[in-house]
Amino acid sequence: MSSLFYWCAHLFYSKYPFFSDLAMSTQAGNPNMELLIPMINQLQHIFTAANAKLTLTLPQIAVVGSQSAGKSSVLENIVGRDFLPRGGNMVTKRPLVLQLINLQGQEYAVFGHKPQQRFVNYVDVRAEIENDTKSVVRDDMGVSNIPINLTIYSPHVVNLTLVDLPGMVKVPSQGQPPDIVKKIDDIIINYISNENCLILAVTPANIDIVTSDALVMARSQDPMGKRTIGVLTKLDMMGKGHNAREVLLNKLVVLERGFIGVVLRG
């Protein structure tokens, strides 16, 4: 697991100590918690299938950023697995609700829409995300608020719920619906407006931090910055003579939970 993973887990459980106790109970083999996790998963799957809103707002971490910020790579960095679709255009077209469950034994993944099938190869996980996305978003340039529910069971994770959201855009590109900007913003706000949601605001280090789309969006729902975590990507792409020191020291834009810098793969 990456340092970013443990940092997020630390912040998550420091904010929600009750869930820290549950996480430790699960890792210790608490049978009650092992029963609770599938029940929560099943509730989420039922509400998703019925296209209804689950009013139970469980703590989670939502990853927010512009289309080119490296948002999905940050999520993979946290999980320590390559499993998300890749491409030059918009690839995250539906929210991906990812539950990490600490469980001893062989690592595997299960989708909410295929609860009886275990995926042990992450190439197959990526393909299934792509296929299920296409089954709902038939327009290559569209988005949907219907989530994909994915659970990864592994001895190498702690219990966390992460949400990968469509990347923000400022103007529709060729072929995109004219209301695509609002649709994406609405999907993001639906998650980060939840007071139990920590916001992972992903921003490339080679842009002016005060123009960050992710931080502007986060500030709209968390004006005091109490549940926003700043993540700087592309540190290796900063121009000569520039550095992110002031940002990482939390001096330019102040967030209660601060900033962390990551260098992702090319």
C-alpha atoms as a PDB file:
ATOM      1  CA  MET A   1       0.000   0.000   0.000  1.00  0.00           C
ATOM      2  CA  SER A   2       1.160   3.521  -0.800  1.00  0.00           C
ATOM      3  CA  SER A   3       1.915   6.266   1.716  1.00  0.00           C
ATOM      4  CA  LEU A   4      -1.090   8.126   0.279  1.00  0.00           C
ATOM      5  CA  PHE A   5      -3.294   5.169   1.225  1.00  0.00           C
ATOM      6  CA  TYR A   6      -2.170   5.172   4.853  1.00  0.00           C
ATOM      7  CA  TRP A   7      -2.398   8.956   5.035  1.00  0.00           C
ATOM      8  CA  CYS A   8      -6.002   8.874   3.797  1.00  0.00           C
ATOM      9  CA  ALA A   9      -6.832   6.035   6.168  1.00  0.00           C
ATOM     10  CA  HIS A  10      -5.346   7.945   9.102  1.00  0.00           C
ATOM     11  CA  LEU A  11      -7.362  11.077   8.288  1.00  0.00           C
ATOM     12  CA  PHE A  12     -10.518   9.046   7.698  1.00  0.00           C
ATOM     13  CA  TYR A  13     -10.367   7.187  10.998  1.00  0.00           C
ATOM     14  CA  SER A  14      -9.268  10.255  12.963  1.00  0.00           C
ATOM     15  CA  LYS A  15     -12.481  11.923  11.768  1.00  0.00           C
ATOM     16  CA  TYR A  16     -14.625   8.809  12.330  1.00  0.00           C
ATOM     17  CA  PRO A  17     -13.152   6.938  15.339  1.00  0.00           C
ATOM     18  CA  PHE A  18     -16.239   4.702  15.537  1.00  0.00           C
ATOM     19  CA  PHE A  19     -15.358   3.228  12.144  1.00  0.00           C
ATOM     20  CA  SER A  20     -11.767   2.784  13.308  1.00  0.00           C
ATOM     21  CA  ASP A  21     -13.066   0.463  16.022  1.00  0.00           C
ATOM     22  CA  LEU A  22     -15.121  -1.417  13.440  1.00  0.00           C
ATOM     23  CA  ALA A  23     -12.128  -1.712  11.122  1.00  0.00           C
ATOM     24  CA  MET A  24      -9.975  -3.172  13.879  1.00  0.00           C
ATOM     25  CA  SER A  25     -12.790  -5.542  14.822  1.00  0.00           C
ATOM     26  CA  THR A  26     -13.014  -6.791  11.248  1.00  0.00           C
ATOM     27  CA  GLN A  27      -9.268  -7.337  11.022  1.00  0.00           C
ATOM     28  CA  ALA A  28      -9.468  -9.276  14.273  1.00  0.00           C
ATOM     29  CA  GLY A  29     -12.140 -11.512  12.773  1.00  0.00           C
ATOM     30  CA  ASN A  30     -15.178 -10.067  14.515  1.00  0.00           C
ATOM     31  CA  PRO A  31     -18.082 -12.174  13.150  1.00  0.00           C
ATOM     32  CA  ASN A  32     -20.646  -9.411  13.730  1.00  0.00           C
ATOM     33  CA  MET A  33     -18.698  -6.991  11.542  1.00  0.00           C
ATOM     34  CA  GLU A  34     -18.225  -9.668   8.892  1.00  0.00           C
ATOM     35  CA  LEU A  35     -22.013  -9.926   8.748  1.00  0.00           C
ATOM     36  CA  LEU A  36     -22.526  -6.158   8.782  1.00  0.00           C
ATOM     37  CA  ILE A  37     -20.347  -5.467   5.726  1.00  0.00           C
ATOM     38  CA  PRO A  38     -22.346  -7.664   3.290  1.00  0.00           C
ATOM     39  CA  MET A  39     -25.584  -6.191   4.667  1.00  0.00           C
ATOM     40  CA  ILE A  40     -24.398  -2.632   3.938  1.00  0.00           C
ATOM     41  CA  ASN A  41     -23.213  -3.718   0.490  1.00  0.00           C
ATOM     42  CA  GLN A  42     -26.552  -5.360  -0.234  1.00  0.00           C
ATOM     43  CA  LEU A  43     -28.461  -2.235   0.815  1.00  0.00           C
ATOM     44  CA  GLN A  44     -26.372  -0.110  -1.534  1.00  0.00           C
ATOM     45  CA  HIS A  45     -26.879  -2.561  -4.383  1.00  0.00           C
ATOM     46  CA  ILE A  46     -30.659  -2.717  -3.853  1.00  0.00           C
ATOM     47  CA  PHE A  47     -31.011   1.060  -3.833  1.00  0.00           C
ATOM     48  CA  THR A  48     -28.821   1.342  -6.926  1.00  0.00           C
ATOM     49  CA  ALA A  49     -30.883  -1.251  -8.807  1.00  0.00           C
ATOM     50  CA  ALA A  50     -34.089   0.550  -7.839  1.00  0.00           C
ATOM     51  CA  ASN A  51     -32.590   3.896  -8.900  1.00  0.00           C
ATOM     52  CA  ALA A  52     -33.452   5.192  -5.420  1.00  0.00           C
ATOM     53  CA  LYS A  53     -31.396   7.314  -3.062  1.00  0.00           C
ATOM     54  CA  LEU A  54     -29.968   5.677   0.035  1.00  0.00           C
ATOM     55  CA  THR A  55     -30.527   8.138   2.868  1.00  0.00           C
ATOM     56  CA  LEU A  56     -28.015   6.352   5.091  1.00  0.00           C
ATOM     57  CA  THR A  57     -24.911   8.490   4.519  1.00  0.00           C
ATOM     58  CA  LEU A  58     -21.926   6.338   5.400  1.00  0.00           C
ATOM     59  CA  PRO A  59     -18.466   7.926   5.707  1.00  0.00           C
ATOM     60  CA  GLN A  60     -16.486   7.850   2.482  1.00  0.00           C
ATOM     61  CA  ILE A  61     -13.692   9.592   0.576  1.00  0.00           C
ATOM     62  CA  ALA A  62     -14.602  11.141  -2.784  1.00  0.00           C
ATOM     63  CA  VAL A  63     -11.879  11.821  -5.354  1.00  0.00           C
ATOM     64  CA  VAL A  64     -12.532  15.096  -7.200  1.00  0.00           C
ATOM     65  CA  GLY A  65     -10.526  16.719  -9.976  1.00  0.00           C
ATOM     66  CA  SER A  66     -10.490  17.998 -13.520  1.00  0.00           C
ATOM     67  CA  GLN A  67     -10.382  15.577 -16.418  1.00  0.00           C
ATOM     68  CA  SER A  68      -6.602  15.897 -16.806  1.00  0.00           C
ATOM     69  CA  ALA A  69      -5.587  16.145 -13.138  1.00  0.00           C
ATOM     70  CA  GLY A  70      -4.591  12.498 -12.684  1.00  0.00           C
ATOM     71  CA  LYS A  71      -7.611  11.782 -10.500  1.00  0.00           C
ATOM     72  CA  SER A  72      -8.069   8.109 -11.356  1.00  0.00           C
ATOM     73  CA  SER A  73      -4.328   7.490 -11.038  1.00  0.00           C
ATOM     74  CA  VAL A  74      -4.491   8.910  -7.513  1.00  0.00           C
ATOM     75  CA  LEU A  75      -7.221   6.414  -6.662  1.00  0.00           C
ATOM     76  CA  GLU A  76      -5.141   3.555  -8.069  1.00  0.00           C
ATOM     77  CA  ASN A  77      -2.176   4.836  -6.070  1.00  0.00           C
ATOM     78  CA  ILE A  78      -4.271   4.668  -2.903  1.00  0.00           C
ATOM     79  CA  VAL A  79      -5.488   1.145  -3.630  1.00  0.00           C
ATOM     80  CA  GLY A  80      -2.151  -0.093  -4.973  1.00  0.00           C
ATOM     81  CA  ARG A  81      -3.768  -1.766  -7.998  1.00  0.00           C
ATOM     82  CA  ASP A  82      -4.215  -0.829 -11.664  1.00  0.00           C
ATOM     83  CA  PHE A  83      -7.872  -1.458 -12.381  1.00  0.00           C
ATOM     84  CA  LEU A  84      -9.440   1.708 -13.827  1.00  0.00           C
ATOM     85  CA  PRO A  85     -10.109   2.328 -17.540  1.00  0.00           C
ATOM     86  CA  ARG A  86      -7.528   4.404 -19.403  1.00  0.00           C
ATOM     87  CA  GLY A  87      -7.844   6.828 -22.287  1.00  0.00           C
ATOM     88  CA  GLY A  88      -7.186  10.306 -23.569  1.00  0.00           C
ATOM     89  CA  ASN A  89     -10.784  11.448 -23.297  1.00  0.00           C
ATOM     90  CA  MET A  90     -13.337  11.186 -20.494  1.00  0.00           C
ATOM     91  CA  VAL A  91     -13.218   7.612 -19.179  1.00  0.00           C
ATOM     92  CA  THR A  92     -14.943   7.962 -15.782  1.00  0.00           C
ATOM     93  CA  LYS A  93     -18.552   8.376 -16.867  1.00  0.00           C
ATOM     94  CA  ARG A  94     -20.282   6.994 -13.782  1.00  0.00           C
ATOM     95  CA  PRO A  95     -19.447   7.229 -10.078  1.00  0.00           C
ATOM     96  CA  LEU A  96     -17.416   4.231  -8.956  1.00  0.00           C
ATOM     97  CA  VAL A  97     -18.126   3.420  -5.312  1.00  0.00           C
ATOM     98  CA  LEU A  98     -15.172   1.323  -4.192  1.00  0.00           C
ATOM     99  CA  GLN A  99     -15.277  -0.486  -0.872  1.00  0.00           C
ATOM    100  CA  LEU A 100     -12.018  -1.873   0.487  1.00  0.00           C
ATOM    101  CA  ILE A 101     -12.555  -4.711   2.936  1.00  0.00           C
ATOM    102  CA  ASN A 102      -9.758  -6.233   4.987  1.00  0.00           C
ATOM    103  CA  LEU A 103     -10.129  -9.988   4.709  1.00  0.00           C
ATOM    104  CA  GLN A 104      -7.495 -12.690   5.073  1.00  0.00           C
ATOM    105  CA  GLY A 105      -6.954 -15.093   2.197  1.00  0.00           C
ATOM    106  CA  GLN A 106      -6.836 -14.624  -1.552  1.00  0.00           C
ATOM    107  CA  GLU A 107      -7.535 -11.118  -2.829  1.00  0.00           C
ATOM    108  CA  TYR A 108     -10.587 -10.753  -5.065  1.00  0.00           C
ATOM    109  CA  ALA A 109     -13.134  -8.226  -6.286  1.00  0.00           C
ATOM    110  CA  VAL A 110     -16.927  -8.368  -6.555  1.00  0.00           C
ATOM    111  CA  PHE A 111     -19.258  -6.057  -8.473  1.00  0.00           C
ATOM    112  CA  GLY A 112     -22.667  -5.093  -7.135  1.00  0.00           C
ATOM    113  CA  HIS A 113     -24.319  -6.075 -10.423  1.00  0.00           C
ATOM    114  CA  LYS A 114     -22.566  -9.489 -10.413  1.00  0.00           C
ATOM    115  CA  PRO A 115     -22.572 -10.469  -6.734  1.00  0.00           C
ATOM    116  CA  GLN A 116     -21.945 -14.167  -7.373  1.00  0.00           C
ATOM    117  CA  GLN A 117     -18.831 -13.673  -9.506  1.00  0.00           C
ATOM    118  CA  ARG A 118     -15.360 -13.205  -8.049  1.00  0.00           C
ATOM    119  CA  PHE A 119     -12.752 -11.338 -10.089  1.00  0.00           C
ATOM    120  CA  VAL A 120      -9.142 -12.232  -9.278  1.00  0.00           C
ATOM    121  CA  ASN A 121      -7.527 -10.517 -12.284  1.00  0.00           C
ATOM    122  CA  TYR A 122      -7.558  -6.710 -12.347  1.00  0.00           C
ATOM    123  CA  VAL A 123      -7.465  -6.667 -16.146  1.00  0.00           C
ATOM    124  CA  ASP A 124     -10.885  -8.324 -15.965  1.00  0.00           C
ATOM    125  CA  VAL A 125     -12.011  -5.775 -13.366  1.00  0.00           C
ATOM    126  CA  ARG A 126     -11.102  -2.940 -15.738  1.00  0.00           C
ATOM    127  CA  ALA A 127     -12.936  -4.635 -18.617  1.00  0.00           C
ATOM    128  CA  GLU A 128     -16.046  -5.121 -16.480  1.00  0.00           C
ATOM    129  CA  ILE A 129     -16.053  -1.439 -15.465  1.00  0.00           C
ATOM    130  CA  GLU A 130     -15.887  -0.500 -19.146  1.00  0.00           C
ATOM    131  CA  ASN A 131     -18.635  -2.947 -20.131  1.00  0.00           C
ATOM    132  CA  ASP A 132     -20.996  -1.947 -17.337  1.00  0.00           C
ATOM    133  CA  THR A 133     -20.406   1.729 -18.090  1.00  0.00           C
ATOM    134  CA  LYS A 134     -21.383   1.158 -21.727  1.00  0.00           C
ATOM    135  CA  SER A 135     -24.520  -0.708 -20.672  1.00  0.00           C
ATOM    136  CA  VAL A 136     -25.808   2.461 -18.975  1.00  0.00           C
ATOM    137  CA  VAL A 137     -24.058   5.290 -20.841  1.00  0.00           C
ATOM    138  CA  ARG A 138     -24.753   4.418 -24.458  1.00  0.00           C
ATOM    139  CA  ASP A 139     -23.577   7.820 -25.649  1.00  0.00           C
ATOM    140  CA  ASP A 140     -19.761   7.814 -25.775  1.00  0.00           C
ATOM    141  CA  MET A 141     -19.716  11.450 -24.677  1.00  0.00           C
ATOM    142  CA  GLY A 142     -22.326  11.241 -21.900  1.00  0.00           C
ATOM    143  CA  VAL A 143     -22.322  10.613 -18.156  1.00  0.00           C
ATOM    144  CA  SER A 144     -24.686   8.977 -15.674  1.00  0.00           C
ATOM    145  CA  ASN A 145     -25.272   9.373 -11.945  1.00  0.00           C
ATOM    146  CA  ILE A 146     -25.977   5.633 -11.568  1.00  0.00           C
ATOM    147  CA  PRO A 147     -22.967   4.280  -9.648  1.00  0.00           C
ATOM    148  CA  ILE A 148     -20.900   1.177 -10.217  1.00  0.00           C
ATOM    149  CA  ASN A 149     -20.404  -0.646  -6.915  1.00  0.00           C
ATOM    150  CA  LEU A 150     -17.126  -2.523  -6.568  1.00  0.00           C
ATOM    151  CA  THR A 151     -15.765  -4.234  -3.468  1.00  0.00           C
ATOM    152  CA  ILE A 152     -12.162  -5.392  -3.124  1.00  0.00           C
ATOM    153  CA  TYR A 153     -11.452  -7.970  -0.431  1.00  0.00           C
ATOM    154  CA  SER A 154      -7.782  -8.150   0.483  1.00  0.00           C
ATOM    155  CA  PRO A 155      -5.458  -8.725   3.441  1.00  0.00           C
ATOM    156  CA  HIS A 156      -3.475  -5.684   2.267  1.00  0.00           C
ATOM    157  CA  VAL A 157      -6.098  -2.966   2.823  1.00  0.00           C
ATOM    158  CA  VAL A 158      -7.975  -1.353   5.683  1.00  0.00           C
ATOM    159  CA  ASN A 159     -11.704  -0.791   5.534  1.00  0.00           C
ATOM    160  CA  LEU A 160     -12.406   2.328   3.493  1.00  0.00           C
ATOM    161  CA  THR A 161     -15.024   3.508   1.024  1.00  0.00           C
ATOM    162  CA  LEU A 162     -13.687   5.572  -1.879  1.00  0.00           C
ATOM    163  CA  VAL A 163     -15.636   7.182  -4.717  1.00  0.00           C
ATOM    164  CA  ASP A 164     -14.144   7.953  -8.126  1.00  0.00           C
ATOM    165  CA  LEU A 165     -16.155  10.685  -9.841  1.00  0.00           C
ATOM    166  CA  PRO A 166     -16.232  11.964 -13.444  1.00  0.00           C
ATOM    167  CA  GLY A 167     -13.556  14.540 -14.161  1.00  0.00           C
ATOM    168  CA  MET A 168     -14.720  18.143 -14.284  1.00  0.00           C
ATOM    169  CA  VAL A 169     -14.707  20.064 -17.565  1.00  0.00           C
ATOM    170  CA  LYS A 170     -15.140  23.788 -18.179  1.00  0.00           C
ATOM    171  CA  VAL A 171     -16.681  23.669 -21.658  1.00  0.00           C
ATOM    172  CA  PRO A 172     -18.212  20.816 -23.687  1.00  0.00           C
ATOM    173  CA  SER A 173     -15.826  19.284 -26.198  1.00  0.00           C
ATOM    174  CA  GLN A 174     -16.832  18.278 -29.715  1.00  0.00           C
ATOM    175  CA  GLY A 175     -19.727  15.821 -29.534  1.00  0.00           C
ATOM    176  CA  GLN A 176     -20.478  16.265 -25.831  1.00  0.00           C
ATOM    177  CA  PRO A 177     -23.986  17.297 -24.725  1.00  0.00           C
ATOM    178  CA  PRO A 178     -24.297  21.058 -24.109  1.00  0.00           C
ATOM    179  CA  ASP A 179     -25.254  20.412 -20.476  1.00  0.00           C
ATOM    180  CA  ILE A 180     -22.329  18.081 -19.741  1.00  0.00           C
ATOM    181  CA  VAL A 181     -20.644  20.593 -17.404  1.00  0.00           C
ATOM    182  CA  LYS A 182     -23.742  20.860 -15.189  1.00  0.00           C
ATOM    183  CA  LYS A 183     -24.363  17.112 -15.259  1.00  0.00           C
ATOM    184  CA  ILE A 184     -20.853  16.367 -14.023  1.00  0.00           C
ATOM    185  CA  ASP A 185     -21.010  19.091 -11.373  1.00  0.00           C
ATOM    186  CA  ASP A 186     -24.359  17.745 -10.130  1.00  0.00           C
ATOM    187  CA  ILE A 187     -22.955  14.214  -9.831  1.00  0.00           C
ATOM    188  CA  ILE A 188     -19.970  15.460  -7.833  1.00  0.00           C
ATOM    189  CA  ILE A 189     -22.047  17.687  -5.554  1.00  0.00           C
ATOM    190  CA  ASN A 190     -24.403  14.789  -4.830  1.00  0.00           C
ATOM    191  CA  TYR A 191     -21.492  13.035  -3.102  1.00  0.00           C
ATOM    192  CA  ILE A 192     -19.381  15.799  -1.594  1.00  0.00           C
ATOM    193  CA  SER A 193     -22.370  17.633  -0.095  1.00  0.00           C
ATOM    194  CA  ASN A 194     -22.601  14.702   2.328  1.00  0.00           C
ATOM    195  CA  GLU A 195     -21.138  15.909   5.634  1.00  0.00           C
ATOM    196  CA  ASN A 196     -19.725  12.412   6.165  1.00  0.00           C
ATOM    197  CA  CYS A 197     -17.657  12.665   2.978  1.00  0.00           C
ATOM    198  CA  LEU A 198     -13.978  13.574   2.990  1.00  0.00           C
ATOM    199  CA  ILE A 199     -13.060  15.341  -0.258  1.00  0.00           C
ATOM    200  CA  LEU A 200      -9.812  14.377  -1.953  1.00  0.00           C
ATOM    201  CA  ALA A 201      -9.260  17.454  -4.147  1.00  0.00           C
ATOM    202  CA  VAL A 202      -6.755  16.528  -6.860  1.00  0.00           C
ATOM    203  CA  THR A 203      -4.849  19.386  -8.524  1.00  0.00           C
ATOM    204  CA  PRO A 204      -1.877  19.306 -10.941  1.00  0.00           C
ATOM    205  CA  ALA A 205       1.140  21.047  -9.406  1.00  0.00           C
ATOM    206  CA  ASN A 206       1.928  22.768 -12.711  1.00  0.00           C
ATOM    207  CA  ILE A 207      -1.085  25.098 -12.506  1.00  0.00           C
ATOM    208  CA  ASP A 208      -1.805  28.021 -10.195  1.00  0.00           C
ATOM    209  CA  ILE A 209      -3.334  26.466  -7.074  1.00  0.00           C
ATOM    210  CA  VAL A 210      -5.844  29.309  -6.674  1.00  0.00           C
ATOM    211  CA  THR A 211      -7.389  28.354 -10.038  1.00  0.00           C
ATOM    212  CA  SER A 212      -7.856  24.693  -9.082  1.00  0.00           C
ATOM    213  CA  ASP A 213     -11.219  23.366 -10.272  1.00  0.00           C
ATOM    214  CA  ALA A 214     -11.128  20.701  -7.567  1.00  0.00           C
ATOM    215  CA  LEU A 215     -10.577  23.196  -4.755  1.00  0.00           C
ATOM    216  CA  VAL A 216     -13.260  25.541  -6.111  1.00  0.00           C
ATOM    217  CA  MET A 217     -15.721  22.641  -6.178  1.00  0.00           C
ATOM    218  CA  ALA A 218     -14.677  21.455  -2.715  1.00  0.00           C
ATOM    219  CA  ARG A 219     -14.966  24.969  -1.301  1.00  0.00           C
ATOM    220  CA  SER A 220     -18.551  25.212  -2.593  1.00  0.00           C
ATOM    221  CA  GLN A 221     -19.591  22.367  -0.259  1.00  0.00           C
ATOM    222  CA  ASP A 222     -16.911  22.681   2.423  1.00  0.00           C
ATOM    223  CA  PRO A 223     -16.284  26.436   2.713  1.00  0.00           C
ATOM    224  CA  MET A 224     -14.097  26.149   5.827  1.00  0.00           C
ATOM    225  CA  GLY A 225     -11.934  23.377   4.358  1.00  0.00           C
ATOM    226  CA  LYS A 226     -12.569  21.098   7.323  1.00  0.00           C
ATOM    227  CA  ARG A 227     -13.102  17.900   5.333  1.00  0.00           C
ATOM    228  CA  THR A 228     -11.037  18.656   2.230  1.00  0.00           C
ATOM    229  CA  ILE A 229      -7.675  16.986   1.617  1.00  0.00           C
ATOM    230  CA  GLY A 230      -5.469  18.578  -1.046  1.00  0.00           C
ATOM    231  CA  VAL A 231      -3.512  16.295  -3.379  1.00  0.00           C
ATOM    232  CA  LEU A 232      -0.886  17.713  -5.747  1.00  0.00           C
ATOM    233  CA  THR A 233      -0.062  15.603  -8.807  1.00  0.00           C
ATOM    234  CA  LYS A 234       2.479  16.108 -11.607  1.00  0.00           C
ATOM    235  CA  LEU A 235       5.123  17.505  -9.273  1.00  0.00           C
ATOM    236  CA  ASP A 236       7.726  16.324 -11.773  1.00  0.00           C
ATOM    237  CA  MET A 237       6.188  18.547 -14.470  1.00  0.00           C
ATOM    238  CA  MET A 238       6.650  21.861 -12.689  1.00  0.00           C
ATOM    239  CA  GLY A 239       8.622  24.472 -14.614  1.00  0.00           C
ATOM    240  CA  LYS A 240      12.246  25.205 -13.810  1.00  0.00           C
ATOM    241  CA  GLY A 241      12.568  27.488 -10.813  1.00  0.00           C
ATOM    242  CA  HIS A 242       9.096  26.618  -9.520  1.00  0.00           C
ATOM    243  CA  ASN A 243       8.212  24.398  -6.583  1.00  0.00           C
ATOM    244  CA  ALA A 244       5.184  23.461  -4.536  1.00  0.00           C
ATOM    245  CA  ARG A 245       6.724  24.161  -1.140  1.00  0.00           C
ATOM    246  CA  GLU A 246       4.314  26.916  -0.081  1.00  0.00           C
ATOM    247  CA  VAL A 247       1.305  24.849  -1.150  1.00  0.00           C
ATOM    248  CA  LEU A 248       2.484  21.696   0.623  1.00  0.00           C
ATOM    249  CA  LEU A 249       3.180  23.738   3.755  1.00  0.00           C
ATOM    250  CA  ASN A 250      -0.484  24.780   3.654  1.00  0.00           C
ATOM    251  CA  LYS A 251       0.360  28.484   3.320  1.00  0.00           C
ATOM    252  CA  LEU A 252      -1.277  29.553   0.037  1.00  0.00           C
ATOM    253  CA  VAL A 253      -4.632  27.779   0.321  1.00  0.00           C
ATOM    254  CA  VAL A 254      -5.304  26.688   3.888  1.00  0.00           C
ATOM    255  CA  LEU A 255      -6.991  23.337   4.461  1.00  0.00           C
ATOM    256  CA  GLU A 256      -7.493  21.909   7.929  1.00  0.00           C
ATOM    257  CA  ARG A 257      -6.210  18.539   6.714  1.00  0.00           C
ATOM    258  CA  GLY A 258      -3.443  19.972   4.564  1.00  0.00           C
ATOM    259  CA  PHE A 259      -1.891  18.892   1.268  1.00  0.00           C
ATOM    260  CA  ILE A 260       0.124  15.912   0.107  1.00  0.00           C
ATOM    261  CA  GLY A 261       2.202  15.640  -3.070  1.00  0.00           C
ATOM    262  CA  VAL A 262       2.377  12.541  -5.259  1.00  0.00           C
ATOM    263  CA  VAL A 263       4.309  11.622  -8.395  1.00  0.00           C
ATOM    264  CA  LEU A 264       2.249   9.240 -10.495  1.00  0.00           C
ATOM    265  CA  ARG A 265       3.381   6.977 -13.280  1.00  0.00           C
ATOM    266  CA  GLY A 266       3.590   8.404 -16.782  1.00  0.00           C
END
